[in-house]
Structure formats: structure tokens, C-alpha cells
């Protein structure tokens, strides 16, 4: 009978390592606040991108004109 193959564990990504350190250093409330802040930053970036795309679409529409 052969032994089961041994799997190498994946090397954690930088993000995983950073979250592990974060969980050791910060209380749960601080982690939640930081994640909420980052989510807000990403949402603001998404809205800014959507706004720029809408402005460009309006500029193309008005450039064609009636």
C-alpha cells in the first residue's frame, strides 16, 4: 500500500499575510472600520470612473448634434 501524496501548501499572498498581521495587531472594530473605509474608497473610484464615462458619452452625443 502506498502512502497518500503530500501536498505542498500554497504560499500565502501578500494580502493574506497583511490580513494575518492586521488581525494580530488590531481589535475587531478597527479591522471592520479599516475594511469599511477601503470599501468606500473603492466605491468612490467606481463612481468617478462611471462619471467620466458618462461625461464622455454626453460629449460624443453633443458633438454629433442634431
PDB file of N, CA and C in Angstrom:
ATOM      1  N   UNK A   1       0.842  -1.175   0.000  1.00  0.00           N
ATOM      2  CA  UNK A   1       0.000   0.000   0.000  1.00  0.00           C
ATOM      3  C   UNK A   1       0.891   1.244   0.000  1.00  0.00           C
ATOM      4  N   UNK A   2       0.544   2.204  -0.854  1.00  0.00           N
ATOM      5  CA  UNK A   2       1.330   3.429  -0.947  1.00  0.00           C
ATOM      6  C   UNK A   2       0.758   4.500  -0.028  1.00  0.00           C
ATOM      7  N   UNK A   3       1.634   5.364   0.433  1.00  0.00           N
ATOM      8  CA  UNK A   3       1.202   6.491   1.262  1.00  0.00           C
ATOM      9  C   UNK A   3       0.529   7.536   0.388  1.00  0.00           C
ATOM     10  N   UNK A   4      -0.379   8.246   0.965  1.00  0.00           N
ATOM     11  CA  UNK A   4      -1.061   9.314   0.237  1.00  0.00           C
ATOM     12  C   UNK A   4      -0.046  10.386  -0.142  1.00  0.00           C
ATOM     13  N   UNK A   5      -0.190  10.974  -1.332  1.00  0.00           N
ATOM     14  CA  UNK A   5       0.752  12.027  -1.737  1.00  0.00           C
ATOM     15  C   UNK A   5       0.646  13.230  -0.810  1.00  0.00           C
ATOM     16  N   UNK A   6       1.773  13.822  -0.576  1.00  0.00           N
ATOM     17  CA  UNK A   6       1.825  15.003   0.285  1.00  0.00           C
ATOM     18  C   UNK A   6       1.672  16.233  -0.588  1.00  0.00           C
ATOM     19  N   UNK A   7       0.746  17.088  -0.217  1.00  0.00           N
ATOM     20  CA  UNK A   7       0.530  18.316  -0.984  1.00  0.00           C
ATOM     21  C   UNK A   7       1.295  19.452  -0.339  1.00  0.00           C
ATOM     22  N   UNK A   8       1.938  20.231  -1.168  1.00  0.00           N
ATOM     23  CA  UNK A   8       2.615  21.424  -0.665  1.00  0.00           C
ATOM     24  C   UNK A   8       1.555  22.489  -0.422  1.00  0.00           C
ATOM     25  N   UNK A   9       1.653  23.144   0.688  1.00  0.00           N
ATOM     26  CA  UNK A   9       0.688  24.213   0.957  1.00  0.00           C
ATOM     27  C   UNK A   9       1.055  25.426   0.124  1.00  0.00           C
ATOM     28  N   UNK A  10       0.048  26.120  -0.306  1.00  0.00           N
ATOM     29  CA  UNK A  10       0.266  27.308  -1.136  1.00  0.00           C
ATOM     30  C   UNK A  10       0.904  28.411  -0.300  1.00  0.00           C
ATOM     31  N   UNK A  11       1.759  29.161  -0.916  1.00  0.00           N
ATOM     32  CA  UNK A  11       2.368  30.308  -0.253  1.00  0.00           C
ATOM     33  C   UNK A  11       1.315  31.409  -0.178  1.00  0.00           C
ATOM     34  N   UNK A  12       1.077  31.927   1.013  1.00  0.00           N
ATOM     35  CA  UNK A  12       0.041  32.963   1.121  1.00  0.00           C
ATOM     36  C   UNK A  12       0.432  34.215   0.337  1.00  0.00           C
ATOM     37  N   UNK A  13      -0.578  34.851  -0.197  1.00  0.00           N
ATOM     38  CA  UNK A  13      -0.326  36.087  -0.935  1.00  0.00           C
ATOM     39  C   UNK A  13       0.035  37.194   0.045  1.00  0.00           C
ATOM     40  N   UNK A  14       0.516  38.286  -0.490  1.00  0.00           N
ATOM     41  CA  UNK A  14       0.856  39.440   0.344  1.00  0.00           C
ATOM     42  C   UNK A  14      -0.372  39.926   1.094  1.00  0.00           C
ATOM     43  N   UNK A  15      -1.516  39.914   0.419  1.00  0.00           N
ATOM     44  CA  UNK A  15      -2.757  40.365   1.049  1.00  0.00           C
ATOM     45  C   UNK A  15      -3.118  39.459   2.222  1.00  0.00           C
ATOM     46  N   UNK A  16      -2.981  38.142   2.022  1.00  0.00           N
ATOM     47  CA  UNK A  16      -3.283  37.208   3.104  1.00  0.00           C
ATOM     48  C   UNK A  16      -2.360  37.446   4.296  1.00  0.00           C
ATOM     49  N   UNK A  17      -1.086  37.650   4.015  1.00  0.00           N
ATOM     50  CA  UNK A  17      -0.125  37.894   5.089  1.00  0.00           C
ATOM     51  C   UNK A  17      -0.442  39.202   5.822  1.00  0.00           C
ATOM     52  N   UNK A  18      -0.796  40.228   5.048  1.00  0.00           N
ATOM     53  CA  UNK A  18      -1.129  41.513   5.648  1.00  0.00           C
ATOM     54  C   UNK A  18      -2.366  41.403   6.531  1.00  0.00           C
ATOM     55  N   UNK A  19      -3.359  40.663   6.081  1.00  0.00           N
ATOM     56  CA  UNK A  19      -4.569  40.476   6.895  1.00  0.00           C
ATOM     57  C   UNK A  19      -4.270  39.697   8.165  1.00  0.00           C
ATOM     58  N   UNK A  20      -3.364  38.724   8.074  1.00  0.00           N
ATOM     59  CA  UNK A  20      -2.996  37.961   9.267  1.00  0.00           C
ATOM     60  C   UNK A  20      -2.327  38.875  10.297  1.00  0.00           C
ATOM     61  N   UNK A  21      -1.414  39.722   9.831  1.00  0.00           N
ATOM     62  CA  UNK A  21      -0.753  40.668  10.738  1.00  0.00           C
ATOM     63  C   UNK A  21      -1.770  41.648  11.297  1.00  0.00           C
ATOM     64  N   UNK A  22      -2.654  42.113  10.437  1.00  0.00           N
ATOM     65  CA  UNK A  22      -3.689  43.050  10.863  1.00  0.00           C
ATOM     66  C   UNK A  22      -4.562  42.436  11.960  1.00  0.00           C
ATOM     67  N   UNK A  23      -4.917  41.172  11.813  1.00  0.00           N
ATOM     68  CA  UNK A  23      -5.777  40.535  12.809  1.00  0.00           C
ATOM     69  C   UNK A  23      -5.065  40.373  14.145  1.00  0.00           C
ATOM     70  N   UNK A  24      -3.740  40.226  14.106  1.00  0.00           N
ATOM     71  CA  UNK A  24      -2.993  40.108  15.356  1.00  0.00           C
ATOM     72  C   UNK A  24      -2.845  41.455  16.061  1.00  0.00           C
ATOM     73  N   UNK A  25      -2.703  42.519  15.285  1.00  0.00           N
ATOM     74  CA  UNK A  25      -2.401  43.819  15.866  1.00  0.00           C
ATOM     75  C   UNK A  25      -3.632  44.646  16.232  1.00  0.00           C
ATOM     76  N   UNK A  26      -4.726  44.435  15.528  1.00  0.00           N
ATOM     77  CA  UNK A  26      -5.883  45.299  15.729  1.00  0.00           C
ATOM     78  C   UNK A  26      -7.056  44.526  16.312  1.00  0.00           C
ATOM     79  N   UNK A  27      -7.876  45.245  17.026  1.00  0.00           N
ATOM     80  CA  UNK A  27      -9.100  44.641  17.536  1.00  0.00           C
ATOM     81  C   UNK A  27     -10.094  44.527  16.381  1.00  0.00           C
ATOM     82  N   UNK A  28     -11.153  43.786  16.599  1.00  0.00           N
ATOM     83  CA  UNK A  28     -12.138  43.559  15.552  1.00  0.00           C
ATOM     84  C   UNK A  28     -12.769  44.831  15.035  1.00  0.00           C
ATOM     85  N   UNK A  29     -13.050  45.788  15.917  1.00  0.00           N
ATOM     86  CA  UNK A  29     -13.683  47.036  15.491  1.00  0.00           C
ATOM     87  C   UNK A  29     -12.800  47.842  14.573  1.00  0.00           C
ATOM     88  N   UNK A  30     -11.514  47.869  14.855  1.00  0.00           N
ATOM     89  CA  UNK A  30     -10.592  48.611  13.991  1.00  0.00           C
ATOM     90  C   UNK A  30     -10.488  47.954  12.619  1.00  0.00           C
ATOM     91  N   UNK A  31     -10.473  46.625  12.608  1.00  0.00           N
ATOM     92  CA  UNK A  31     -10.408  45.918  11.329  1.00  0.00           C
ATOM     93  C   UNK A  31     -11.641  46.215  10.491  1.00  0.00           C
ATOM     94  N   UNK A  32     -12.785  46.183  11.143  1.00  0.00           N
ATOM     95  CA  UNK A  32     -14.032  46.462  10.436  1.00  0.00           C
ATOM     96  C   UNK A  32     -14.026  47.885   9.894  1.00  0.00           C
ATOM     97  N   UNK A  33     -13.585  48.828  10.694  1.00  0.00           N
ATOM     98  CA  UNK A  33     -13.533  50.224  10.257  1.00  0.00           C
ATOM     99  C   UNK A  33     -12.593  50.383   9.063  1.00  0.00           C
ATOM    100  N   UNK A  34     -11.444  49.723   9.122  1.00  0.00           N
ATOM    101  CA  UNK A  34     -10.483  49.827   8.021  1.00  0.00           C
ATOM    102  C   UNK A  34     -11.050  49.210   6.741  1.00  0.00           C
ATOM    103  N   UNK A  35     -11.698  48.075   6.872  1.00  0.00           N
ATOM    104  CA  UNK A  35     -12.294  47.441   5.683  1.00  0.00           C
ATOM    105  C   UNK A  35     -13.425  48.293   5.120  1.00  0.00           C
ATOM    106  N   UNK A  36     -14.229  48.869   6.010  1.00  0.00           N
ATOM    107  CA  UNK A  36     -15.303  49.748   5.545  1.00  0.00           C
ATOM    108  C   UNK A  36     -14.734  50.969   4.824  1.00  0.00           C
ATOM    109  N   UNK A  37     -13.656  51.530   5.355  1.00  0.00           N
ATOM    110  CA  UNK A  37     -13.029  52.683   4.716  1.00  0.00           C
ATOM    111  C   UNK A  37     -12.498  52.304   3.341  1.00  0.00           C
ATOM    112  N   UNK A  38     -11.862  51.150   3.238  1.00  0.00           N
ATOM    113  CA  UNK A  38     -11.320  50.721   1.945  1.00  0.00           C
ATOM    114  C   UNK A  38     -12.449  50.462   0.950  1.00  0.00           C
ATOM    115  N   UNK A  39     -13.538  49.868   1.420  1.00  0.00           N
ATOM    116  CA  UNK A  39     -14.691  49.641   0.552  1.00  0.00           C
ATOM    117  C   UNK A  39     -15.232  50.970   0.037  1.00  0.00           C
ATOM    118  N   UNK A  40     -15.245  51.990   0.886  1.00  0.00           N
ATOM    119  CA  UNK A  40     -15.695  53.321   0.471  1.00  0.00           C
ATOM    120  C   UNK A  40     -14.773  53.913  -0.583  1.00  0.00           C
ATOM    121  N   UNK A  41     -13.480  53.725  -0.411  1.00  0.00           N
ATOM    122  CA  UNK A  41     -12.518  54.225  -1.399  1.00  0.00           C
ATOM    123  C   UNK A  41     -12.768  53.553  -2.749  1.00  0.00           C
ATOM    124  N   UNK A  42     -12.936  52.247  -2.738  1.00  0.00           N
ATOM    125  CA  UNK A  42     -13.170  51.528  -3.999  1.00  0.00           C
ATOM    126  C   UNK A  42     -14.479  51.971  -4.651  1.00  0.00           C
ATOM    127  N   UNK A  43     -15.509  52.184  -3.838  1.00  0.00           N
ATOM    128  CA  UNK A  43     -16.795  52.635  -4.378  1.00  0.00           C
ATOM    129  C   UNK A  43     -16.683  54.040  -4.949  1.00  0.00           C
ATOM    130  N   UNK A  44     -15.943  54.927  -4.281  1.00  0.00           N
ATOM    131  CA  UNK A  44     -15.723  56.277  -4.811  1.00  0.00           C
ATOM    132  C   UNK A  44     -14.996  56.223  -6.148  1.00  0.00           C
ATOM    133  N   UNK A  45     -14.011  55.362  -6.256  1.00  0.00           N
ATOM    134  CA  UNK A  45     -13.276  55.216  -7.521  1.00  0.00           C
ATOM    135  C   UNK A  45     -14.201  54.718  -8.622  1.00  0.00           C
ATOM    136  N   UNK A  46     -15.082  53.762  -8.275  1.00  0.00           N
ATOM    137  CA  UNK A  46     -16.009  53.237  -9.269  1.00  0.00           C
ATOM    138  C   UNK A  46     -16.964  54.321  -9.743  1.00  0.00           C
ATOM    139  N   UNK A  47     -17.488  55.119  -8.797  1.00  0.00           N
ATOM    140  CA  UNK A  47     -18.399  56.209  -9.183  1.00  0.00           C
ATOM    141  C   UNK A  47     -17.682  57.256 -10.032  1.00  0.00           C
ATOM    142  N   UNK A  48     -16.440  57.558  -9.709  1.00  0.00           N
ATOM    143  CA  UNK A  48     -15.674  58.524 -10.503  1.00  0.00           C
ATOM    144  C   UNK A  48     -15.473  58.007 -11.920  1.00  0.00           C
ATOM    145  N   UNK A  49     -15.158  56.736 -12.045  1.00  0.00           N
ATOM    146  CA  UNK A  49     -14.981  56.138 -13.378  1.00  0.00           C
ATOM    147  C   UNK A  49     -16.286  56.186 -14.167  1.00  0.00           C
ATOM    148  N   UNK A  50     -17.413  55.858 -13.498  1.00  0.00           N
ATOM    149  CA  UNK A  50     -18.714  55.922 -14.159  1.00  0.00           C
ATOM    150  C   UNK A  50     -19.041  57.344 -14.592  1.00  0.00           C
ATOM    151  N   UNK A  51     -18.704  58.321 -13.747  1.00  0.00           N
ATOM    152  CA  UNK A  51     -18.973  59.721 -14.075  1.00  0.00           C
ATOM    153  C   UNK A  51     -18.180  60.158 -15.304  1.00  0.00           C
ATOM    154  N   UNK A  52     -16.904  59.767 -15.366  1.00  0.00           N
ATOM    155  CA  UNK A  52     -16.069  60.123 -16.516  1.00  0.00           C
ATOM    156  C   UNK A  52     -16.624  59.482 -17.780  1.00  0.00           C
ATOM    157  N   UNK A  53     -17.034  58.216 -17.686  1.00  0.00           N
ATOM    158  CA  UNK A  53     -17.604  57.544 -18.858  1.00  0.00           C
ATOM    159  C   UNK A  53     -18.888  58.227 -19.315  1.00  0.00           C
ATOM    160  N   UNK A  54     -19.727  58.659 -18.359  1.00  0.00           N
ATOM    161  CA  UNK A  54     -20.970  59.349 -18.715  1.00  0.00           C
ATOM    162  C   UNK A  54     -20.669  60.696 -19.371  1.00  0.00           C
ATOM    163  N   UNK A  55     -19.683  61.427 -18.850  1.00  0.00           N
ATOM    164  CA  UNK A  55     -19.309  62.708 -19.451  1.00  0.00           C
ATOM    165  C   UNK A  55     -18.809  62.515 -20.883  1.00  0.00           C
ATOM    166  N   UNK A  56     -18.012  61.496 -21.102  1.00  0.00           N
ATOM    167  CA  UNK A  56     -17.502  61.228 -22.450  1.00  0.00           C
ATOM    168  C   UNK A  56     -18.633  60.860 -23.401  1.00  0.00           C
ATOM    169  N   UNK A  57     -19.597  60.073 -22.915  1.00  0.00           N
ATOM    170  CA  UNK A  57     -20.734  59.701 -23.751  1.00  0.00           C
ATOM    171  C   UNK A  57     -21.556  60.935 -24.104  1.00  0.00           C
ATOM    172  N   UNK A  58     -21.771  61.822 -23.130  1.00  0.00           N
ATOM    173  CA  UNK A  58     -22.519  63.046 -23.404  1.00  0.00           C
ATOM    174  C   UNK A  58     -21.765  63.945 -24.382  1.00  0.00           C
ATOM    175  N   UNK A  59     -20.445  64.020 -24.237  1.00  0.00           N
ATOM    176  CA  UNK A  59     -19.647  64.825 -25.155  1.00  0.00           C
ATOM    177  C   UNK A  59     -19.740  64.283 -26.586  1.00  0.00           C
ATOM    178  N   UNK A  60     -19.720  62.971 -26.721  1.00  0.00           N
ATOM    179  CA  UNK A  60     -19.847  62.367 -28.066  1.00  0.00           C
ATOM    180  C   UNK A  60     -21.229  62.653 -28.639  1.00  0.00           C
ATOM    181  N   UNK A  61     -22.253  62.576 -27.778  1.00  0.00           N
ATOM    182  CA  UNK A  61     -23.611  62.811 -28.234  1.00  0.00           C
ATOM    183  C   UNK A  61     -23.801  64.261 -28.674  1.00  0.00           C
ATOM    184  N   UNK A  62     -23.287  65.196 -27.896  1.00  0.00           N
ATOM    185  CA  UNK A  62     -23.461  66.608 -28.253  1.00  0.00           C
ATOM    186  C   UNK A  62     -22.564  66.992 -29.440  1.00  0.00           C
ATOM    187  N   UNK A  63     -21.451  66.285 -29.630  1.00  0.00           N
ATOM    188  CA  UNK A  63     -20.567  66.581 -30.756  1.00  0.00           C
ATOM    189  C   UNK A  63     -21.248  66.192 -32.075  1.00  0.00           C
ATOM    190  N   UNK A  64     -22.031  65.129 -32.051  1.00  0.00           N
ATOM    191  CA  UNK A  64     -22.743  64.682 -33.257  1.00  0.00           C
ATOM    192  C   UNK A  64     -23.851  65.668 -33.573  1.00  0.00           C
ATOM    193  N   UNK A  65     -24.594  66.046 -32.534  1.00  0.00           N
ATOM    194  CA  UNK A  65     -25.618  67.081 -32.654  1.00  0.00           C
ATOM    195  C   UNK A  65     -26.769  66.687 -33.564  1.00  0.00           C
ATOM    196  N   UNK A  66     -27.810  67.539 -33.580  1.00  0.00           N
ATOM    197  CA  UNK A  66     -28.990  67.276 -34.410  1.00  0.00           C
ATOM    198  C   UNK A  66     -28.760  67.651 -35.863  1.00  0.00           C
TER     199      UNK A  66
END
